[in-house]
Structures are given as structure tokens and as C-alpha cells.
Amino acid sequence: MRFKLFHAPIVPASAAGLTTEELRRYLGVGRNNVAPIARRFGIELLHGIYPECIVWRQLFGLVPDDEAAQAALREPLADINWVSTATGVPQSTIRDHLRAGHWKYDRGVQLGDQSGTQARRLRRWLPALIRHRTCGSPLPAFNRIAPHPADSDNADTHSSPSKTHHTLPPEGVGDEPSEDVFSALLSDAAIAPR
């Protein structure tokens, strides 16, 4: 099998995002790994679609700044075999350097659970970042963005209702309740300054 330095980008069939099969091909994993990886990183499946910008934000903390960066992010992720061939560094050395913190290239993203038996086999890299270091190709224009917490059910990512909605005091607080709505409106209008 011949080594390819570049791979065709995965352009989603829907403008809304990636299907499960497209995400599987993008990540370079088996079909049974897609859902656990999505859960682990907090990537929501919205009506059968994984929005690209959410995938990129949650996996890498990046959003594309231009079309070239978008094309670089759409390229399927590289596994350790590709990185080893592109850099000329044996796989065992890559793993050793990653563990010791001496790896000079991009560290990639660990898709698998760290405690799992297949964790080391699920590390993936953005090929553009490896090519940048090995070939001197220009680095795409990415913007950093913080990923949302993976456990979004327990995280408070929205502002509290008291900041966005005005709540009325419960009846019985303050003045006595009026007999009906119209009398309350008329009494308020009579008191209000003009």
C-alpha cells in the first residue's frame, strides 16, 4: 500500500454536518466506537447529524478561520501508522515519547478512554499539523475556542433565568391582590405619573 501525504477531505452530504458513517470515516475508527467517542467528548447527535463545528470544537478546541483551514479540518484524522511514516519515527518511539512528554510534534487527540485497553490505538492527529512540521507547509488559520464540558447535562452553560427573564412576585407579596385584572390595570393607571 502506497503512502499518501494528503487525503481527500470528508465533505458532509448535508450542510448540517456529518452522518455517523461520515464521522466514523473522519475519525478512522470502527462503527462501534463512534457513539462512545461522541459521548466522551460531548459531541451531540442532532437529528442524526454531528455538526462539524461542534466536532472540531470538542475534539481540538479549534474552528476554521478560512476555507483552507476548513479543508484542513475536514481531512480524515491520521493514525499512528500515518504519523510514523510521515515523520520517519517508529511507532514504539512515538508512544514512548508521548508517555514521557518528549514528543516534538503535535500530540494529537486521544479518542479512547485512557483506562481502556485500546486507548493507545485510538490517538489521532490532524494531518495538516504534522505536515506543517515535517514539510514546512503553511499552518492553516485556526481560531482557538474552548470546548464545552463533555457532561453538558450537569454543566450550567446558560445564563440563569433571573438574568434573562423578569419574574413577577408571587400573589400575596406586597399589596393585597386585586379582585380582577381590569380593576388592577385601572388602579395602576390612575396612580402612574403621566
C-alpha atoms as a PDB file:
ATOM      1  CA  MET A   1       0.000   0.000   0.000  1.00  0.00           C
ATOM      2  CA  ARG A   2       1.395   3.343  -1.050  1.00  0.00           C
ATOM      3  CA  PHE A   3       1.722   6.165   1.489  1.00  0.00           C
ATOM      4  CA  LYS A   4      -0.406   9.265   0.848  1.00  0.00           C
ATOM      5  CA  LEU A   5       0.704  12.526   2.399  1.00  0.00           C
ATOM      6  CA  PHE A   6      -2.678  14.116   1.625  1.00  0.00           C
ATOM      7  CA  HIS A   7      -6.142  12.578   1.861  1.00  0.00           C
ATOM      8  CA  ALA A   8      -9.328  13.851   0.262  1.00  0.00           C
ATOM      9  CA  PRO A   9     -11.415  15.825   2.748  1.00  0.00           C
ATOM     10  CA  ILE A  10     -14.666  14.370   4.010  1.00  0.00           C
ATOM     11  CA  VAL A  11     -17.301  16.824   2.873  1.00  0.00           C
ATOM     12  CA  PRO A  12     -20.623  16.052   4.546  1.00  0.00           C
ATOM     13  CA  ALA A  13     -23.534  15.168   2.292  1.00  0.00           C
ATOM     14  CA  SER A  14     -25.680  17.524   4.379  1.00  0.00           C
ATOM     15  CA  ALA A  15     -24.733  21.111   5.111  1.00  0.00           C
ATOM     16  CA  ALA A  16     -25.913  20.473   8.675  1.00  0.00           C
ATOM     17  CA  GLY A  17     -22.990  18.165   9.446  1.00  0.00           C
ATOM     18  CA  LEU A  18     -21.622  14.644   9.442  1.00  0.00           C
ATOM     19  CA  THR A  19     -23.629  11.452   9.489  1.00  0.00           C
ATOM     20  CA  THR A  20     -22.472   8.667  11.790  1.00  0.00           C
ATOM     21  CA  GLU A  21     -20.767   6.931   8.854  1.00  0.00           C
ATOM     22  CA  GLU A  22     -19.028  10.146   7.778  1.00  0.00           C
ATOM     23  CA  LEU A  23     -17.854  10.758  11.352  1.00  0.00           C
ATOM     24  CA  ARG A  24     -16.591   7.170  11.531  1.00  0.00           C
ATOM     25  CA  ARG A  25     -14.529   7.682   8.373  1.00  0.00           C
ATOM     26  CA  TYR A  26     -13.309  11.079   9.616  1.00  0.00           C
ATOM     27  CA  LEU A  27     -12.141   9.646  12.944  1.00  0.00           C
ATOM     28  CA  GLY A  28     -10.766   6.479  11.368  1.00  0.00           C
ATOM     29  CA  VAL A  29     -12.471   4.195  13.875  1.00  0.00           C
ATOM     30  CA  GLY A  30     -14.873   1.271  13.805  1.00  0.00           C
ATOM     31  CA  ARG A  31     -18.612   1.899  13.744  1.00  0.00           C
ATOM     32  CA  ASN A  32     -18.990   0.721  17.349  1.00  0.00           C
ATOM     33  CA  ASN A  33     -16.548   3.398  18.544  1.00  0.00           C
ATOM     34  CA  VAL A  34     -18.374   6.450  17.191  1.00  0.00           C
ATOM     35  CA  ALA A  35     -21.080   6.767  19.868  1.00  0.00           C
ATOM     36  CA  PRO A  36     -18.712   6.244  22.853  1.00  0.00           C
ATOM     37  CA  ILE A  37     -16.251   8.792  21.435  1.00  0.00           C
ATOM     38  CA  ALA A  38     -19.054  11.285  20.821  1.00  0.00           C
ATOM     39  CA  ARG A  39     -20.291  10.834  24.414  1.00  0.00           C
ATOM     40  CA  ARG A  40     -16.794  11.107  25.850  1.00  0.00           C
ATOM     41  CA  PHE A  41     -16.162  14.415  24.095  1.00  0.00           C
ATOM     42  CA  GLY A  42     -19.673  15.831  24.443  1.00  0.00           C
ATOM     43  CA  ILE A  43     -20.423  15.809  20.712  1.00  0.00           C
ATOM     44  CA  GLU A  44     -24.186  15.908  20.331  1.00  0.00           C
ATOM     45  CA  LEU A  45     -26.038  13.901  17.730  1.00  0.00           C
ATOM     46  CA  LEU A  46     -28.680  16.334  16.486  1.00  0.00           C
ATOM     47  CA  HIS A  47     -31.376  14.542  14.477  1.00  0.00           C
ATOM     48  CA  GLY A  48     -28.888  12.033  13.090  1.00  0.00           C
ATOM     49  CA  ILE A  49     -26.192  14.636  12.336  1.00  0.00           C
ATOM     50  CA  TYR A  50     -22.978  15.623  14.113  1.00  0.00           C
ATOM     51  CA  PRO A  51     -22.382  19.320  13.264  1.00  0.00           C
ATOM     52  CA  GLU A  52     -18.826  19.784  12.005  1.00  0.00           C
ATOM     53  CA  CYS A  53     -18.105  22.906  14.023  1.00  0.00           C
ATOM     54  CA  ILE A  54     -19.106  21.076  17.219  1.00  0.00           C
ATOM     55  CA  VAL A  55     -16.912  18.087  16.325  1.00  0.00           C
ATOM     56  CA  TRP A  56     -13.899  20.358  15.744  1.00  0.00           C
ATOM     57  CA  ARG A  57     -14.560  22.442  18.855  1.00  0.00           C
ATOM     58  CA  GLN A  58     -14.986  19.431  21.126  1.00  0.00           C
ATOM     59  CA  LEU A  59     -12.072  17.384  19.774  1.00  0.00           C
ATOM     60  CA  PHE A  60      -9.464  20.067  19.156  1.00  0.00           C
ATOM     61  CA  GLY A  61     -10.730  23.371  20.539  1.00  0.00           C
ATOM     62  CA  LEU A  62     -10.474  24.828  17.028  1.00  0.00           C
ATOM     63  CA  VAL A  63     -12.683  26.491  14.458  1.00  0.00           C
ATOM     64  CA  PRO A  64     -11.559  27.289  10.910  1.00  0.00           C
ATOM     65  CA  ASP A  65     -10.736  30.886  10.077  1.00  0.00           C
ATOM     66  CA  ASP A  66     -10.963  30.450   6.309  1.00  0.00           C
ATOM     67  CA  GLU A  67     -11.720  27.872   3.612  1.00  0.00           C
ATOM     68  CA  ALA A  68      -8.181  26.455   3.641  1.00  0.00           C
ATOM     69  CA  ALA A  69      -8.452  25.812   7.379  1.00  0.00           C
ATOM     70  CA  GLN A  70     -11.872  24.231   6.881  1.00  0.00           C
ATOM     71  CA  ALA A  71     -10.421  21.916   4.221  1.00  0.00           C
ATOM     72  CA  ALA A  72      -7.567  21.006   6.598  1.00  0.00           C
ATOM     73  CA  LEU A  73     -10.029  20.187   9.384  1.00  0.00           C
ATOM     74  CA  ARG A  74     -12.137  18.096   7.007  1.00  0.00           C
ATOM     75  CA  GLU A  75      -9.214  15.844   6.111  1.00  0.00           C
ATOM     76  CA  PRO A  76      -9.615  12.463   7.851  1.00  0.00           C
ATOM     77  CA  LEU A  77      -7.615  12.201  11.054  1.00  0.00           C
ATOM     78  CA  ALA A  78      -4.297  10.382  10.871  1.00  0.00           C
ATOM     79  CA  ASP A  79      -3.476   7.340  12.958  1.00  0.00           C
ATOM     80  CA  ILE A  80      -0.076   6.412  14.370  1.00  0.00           C
ATOM     81  CA  ASN A  81       0.837   4.431  11.233  1.00  0.00           C
ATOM     82  CA  TRP A  82       0.483   7.538   9.074  1.00  0.00           C
ATOM     83  CA  VAL A  83       2.333   9.734  11.598  1.00  0.00           C
ATOM     84  CA  SER A  84       5.156   7.193  11.815  1.00  0.00           C
ATOM     85  CA  THR A  85       5.563   7.103   8.040  1.00  0.00           C
ATOM     86  CA  ALA A  86       5.265  10.890   7.657  1.00  0.00           C
ATOM     87  CA  THR A  87       7.804  11.648  10.397  1.00  0.00           C
ATOM     88  CA  GLY A  88      10.112   8.664   9.963  1.00  0.00           C
ATOM     89  CA  VAL A  89       9.801   7.887  13.689  1.00  0.00           C
ATOM     90  CA  PRO A  90       8.940   4.288  14.661  1.00  0.00           C
ATOM     91  CA  GLN A  91       5.563   3.762  16.329  1.00  0.00           C
ATOM     92  CA  SER A  92       7.099   2.470  19.555  1.00  0.00           C
ATOM     93  CA  THR A  93       9.245   5.603  19.801  1.00  0.00           C
ATOM     94  CA  ILE A  94       6.207   7.813  19.200  1.00  0.00           C
ATOM     95  CA  ARG A  95       4.353   6.055  22.033  1.00  0.00           C
ATOM     96  CA  ASP A  96       7.367   6.295  24.356  1.00  0.00           C
ATOM     97  CA  HIS A  97       7.858   9.994  23.614  1.00  0.00           C
ATOM     98  CA  LEU A  98       4.163  10.722  24.105  1.00  0.00           C
ATOM     99  CA  ARG A  99       4.213   8.975  27.504  1.00  0.00           C
ATOM    100  CA  ALA A 100       7.389  10.776  28.567  1.00  0.00           C
ATOM    101  CA  GLY A 101       6.222  14.152  27.237  1.00  0.00           C
ATOM    102  CA  HIS A 102       9.137  14.477  24.791  1.00  0.00           C
ATOM    103  CA  TRP A 103       7.176  14.297  21.533  1.00  0.00           C
ATOM    104  CA  LYS A 104       8.159  17.307  19.386  1.00  0.00           C
ATOM    105  CA  TYR A 105       5.210  17.152  17.019  1.00  0.00           C
ATOM    106  CA  ASP A 106       1.539  17.755  17.736  1.00  0.00           C
ATOM    107  CA  ARG A 107       0.312  15.417  20.493  1.00  0.00           C
ATOM    108  CA  GLY A 108      -2.941  14.660  18.693  1.00  0.00           C
ATOM    109  CA  VAL A 109      -6.115  13.709  20.499  1.00  0.00           C
ATOM    110  CA  GLN A 110      -6.729  10.525  22.467  1.00  0.00           C
ATOM    111  CA  LEU A 111     -10.143   9.340  21.301  1.00  0.00           C
ATOM    112  CA  GLY A 112     -10.228   6.271  23.511  1.00  0.00           C
ATOM    113  CA  ASP A 113     -10.744   6.090  27.228  1.00  0.00           C
ATOM    114  CA  GLN A 114      -7.348   6.442  28.933  1.00  0.00           C
ATOM    115  CA  SER A 115      -8.074   3.482  31.192  1.00  0.00           C
ATOM    116  CA  GLY A 116      -9.190   1.257  28.324  1.00  0.00           C
ATOM    117  CA  THR A 117      -7.052  -1.421  26.734  1.00  0.00           C
ATOM    118  CA  GLN A 118      -7.257   0.171  23.271  1.00  0.00           C
ATOM    119  CA  ALA A 119      -6.515   3.736  24.353  1.00  0.00           C
ATOM    120  CA  ARG A 120      -3.147   3.933  22.634  1.00  0.00           C
ATOM    121  CA  ARG A 121      -4.629   2.687  19.372  1.00  0.00           C
ATOM    122  CA  LEU A 122      -7.203   5.473  19.237  1.00  0.00           C
ATOM    123  CA  ARG A 123      -4.892   8.504  19.246  1.00  0.00           C
ATOM    124  CA  ARG A 124      -5.446  10.600  16.131  1.00  0.00           C
ATOM    125  CA  TRP A 125      -3.738  13.627  14.629  1.00  0.00           C
ATOM    126  CA  LEU A 126      -4.667  16.471  12.315  1.00  0.00           C
ATOM    127  CA  PRO A 127      -2.529  15.707   9.250  1.00  0.00           C
ATOM    128  CA  ALA A 128      -2.075  19.427   8.494  1.00  0.00           C
ATOM    129  CA  LEU A 129      -0.253  19.926  11.809  1.00  0.00           C
ATOM    130  CA  ILE A 130       2.130  17.035  11.155  1.00  0.00           C
ATOM    131  CA  ARG A 131       2.762  18.207   7.563  1.00  0.00           C
ATOM    132  CA  HIS A 132       3.476  21.695   8.891  1.00  0.00           C
ATOM    133  CA  ARG A 133       6.358  20.335  10.987  1.00  0.00           C
ATOM    134  CA  THR A 134       7.676  17.729   8.531  1.00  0.00           C
ATOM    135  CA  CYS A 135       7.288  19.532   5.199  1.00  0.00           C
ATOM    136  CA  GLY A 136       7.216  23.160   6.238  1.00  0.00           C
ATOM    137  CA  SER A 137       3.775  23.617   4.721  1.00  0.00           C
ATOM    138  CA  PRO A 138       1.929  26.696   5.966  1.00  0.00           C
ATOM    139  CA  LEU A 139      -0.157  26.245   9.075  1.00  0.00           C
ATOM    140  CA  PRO A 140      -3.879  26.722   8.411  1.00  0.00           C
ATOM    141  CA  ALA A 141      -5.574  29.692  10.072  1.00  0.00           C
ATOM    142  CA  PHE A 142      -7.386  28.185  13.050  1.00  0.00           C
ATOM    143  CA  ASN A 143      -9.032  30.046  15.889  1.00  0.00           C
ATOM    144  CA  ARG A 144      -8.865  28.573  19.369  1.00  0.00           C
ATOM    145  CA  ILE A 145     -12.173  28.041  21.119  1.00  0.00           C
ATOM    146  CA  ALA A 146     -12.768  26.338  24.435  1.00  0.00           C
ATOM    147  CA  PRO A 147     -14.699  23.063  24.215  1.00  0.00           C
ATOM    148  CA  HIS A 148     -17.896  22.819  26.229  1.00  0.00           C
ATOM    149  CA  PRO A 149     -17.793  20.413  29.169  1.00  0.00           C
ATOM    150  CA  ALA A 150     -18.411  16.860  27.987  1.00  0.00           C
ATOM    151  CA  ASP A 151     -21.084  16.308  30.642  1.00  0.00           C
ATOM    152  CA  SER A 152     -23.367  19.088  29.430  1.00  0.00           C
ATOM    153  CA  ASP A 153     -26.369  17.719  31.351  1.00  0.00           C
ATOM    154  CA  ASN A 154     -24.781  18.736  34.649  1.00  0.00           C
ATOM    155  CA  ALA A 155     -22.947  21.825  33.458  1.00  0.00           C
ATOM    156  CA  ASP A 156     -24.609  25.215  33.629  1.00  0.00           C
ATOM    157  CA  THR A 157     -23.732  26.615  30.219  1.00  0.00           C
ATOM    158  CA  HIS A 158     -26.662  29.018  30.013  1.00  0.00           C
ATOM    159  CA  SER A 159     -27.346  32.147  31.981  1.00  0.00           C
ATOM    160  CA  SER A 160     -29.705  31.799  34.873  1.00  0.00           C
ATOM    161  CA  PRO A 161     -33.370  32.626  34.268  1.00  0.00           C
ATOM    162  CA  SER A 162     -33.239  35.509  36.730  1.00  0.00           C
ATOM    163  CA  LYS A 163     -30.765  37.298  34.459  1.00  0.00           C
ATOM    164  CA  THR A 164     -32.757  36.869  31.278  1.00  0.00           C
ATOM    165  CA  HIS A 165     -36.387  36.835  32.401  1.00  0.00           C
ATOM    166  CA  HIS A 166     -38.239  39.175  34.687  1.00  0.00           C
ATOM    167  CA  THR A 167     -40.248  37.234  37.193  1.00  0.00           C
ATOM    168  CA  LEU A 168     -43.345  38.598  38.798  1.00  0.00           C
ATOM    169  CA  PRO A 169     -43.619  38.448  42.555  1.00  0.00           C
ATOM    170  CA  PRO A 170     -45.990  35.759  43.767  1.00  0.00           C
ATOM    171  CA  GLU A 171     -49.509  36.833  44.539  1.00  0.00           C
ATOM    172  CA  GLY A 172     -49.885  37.910  48.136  1.00  0.00           C
ATOM    173  CA  VAL A 173     -46.474  39.564  48.308  1.00  0.00           C
ATOM    174  CA  GLY A 174     -46.702  43.294  48.814  1.00  0.00           C
ATOM    175  CA  ASP A 175     -50.163  44.757  48.211  1.00  0.00           C
ATOM    176  CA  GLU A 176     -53.304  42.743  48.585  1.00  0.00           C
ATOM    177  CA  PRO A 177     -54.377  41.012  45.372  1.00  0.00           C
ATOM    178  CA  SER A 178     -56.908  42.855  43.280  1.00  0.00           C
ATOM    179  CA  GLU A 179     -60.362  41.498  42.637  1.00  0.00           C
ATOM    180  CA  ASP A 180     -59.820  41.226  38.895  1.00  0.00           C
ATOM    181  CA  VAL A 181     -57.323  42.157  36.207  1.00  0.00           C
ATOM    182  CA  PHE A 182     -59.228  45.195  34.943  1.00  0.00           C
ATOM    183  CA  SER A 183     -59.504  46.825  38.323  1.00  0.00           C
ATOM    184  CA  ALA A 184     -55.774  46.273  38.839  1.00  0.00           C
ATOM    185  CA  LEU A 185     -54.974  47.879  35.480  1.00  0.00           C
ATOM    186  CA  LEU A 186     -57.236  50.854  36.126  1.00  0.00           C
ATOM    187  CA  SER A 187     -55.897  51.407  39.617  1.00  0.00           C
ATOM    188  CA  ASP A 188     -52.282  51.240  38.358  1.00  0.00           C
ATOM    189  CA  ALA A 189     -53.063  53.665  35.516  1.00  0.00           C
ATOM    190  CA  ALA A 190     -54.644  56.137  37.910  1.00  0.00           C
ATOM    191  CA  ILE A 191     -51.569  56.093  40.154  1.00  0.00           C
ATOM    192  CA  ALA A 192     -48.905  56.099  37.433  1.00  0.00           C
ATOM    193  CA  PRO A 193     -47.380  59.503  36.577  1.00  0.00           C
ATOM    194  CA  ARG A 194     -48.060  60.894  33.124  1.00  0.00           C
END
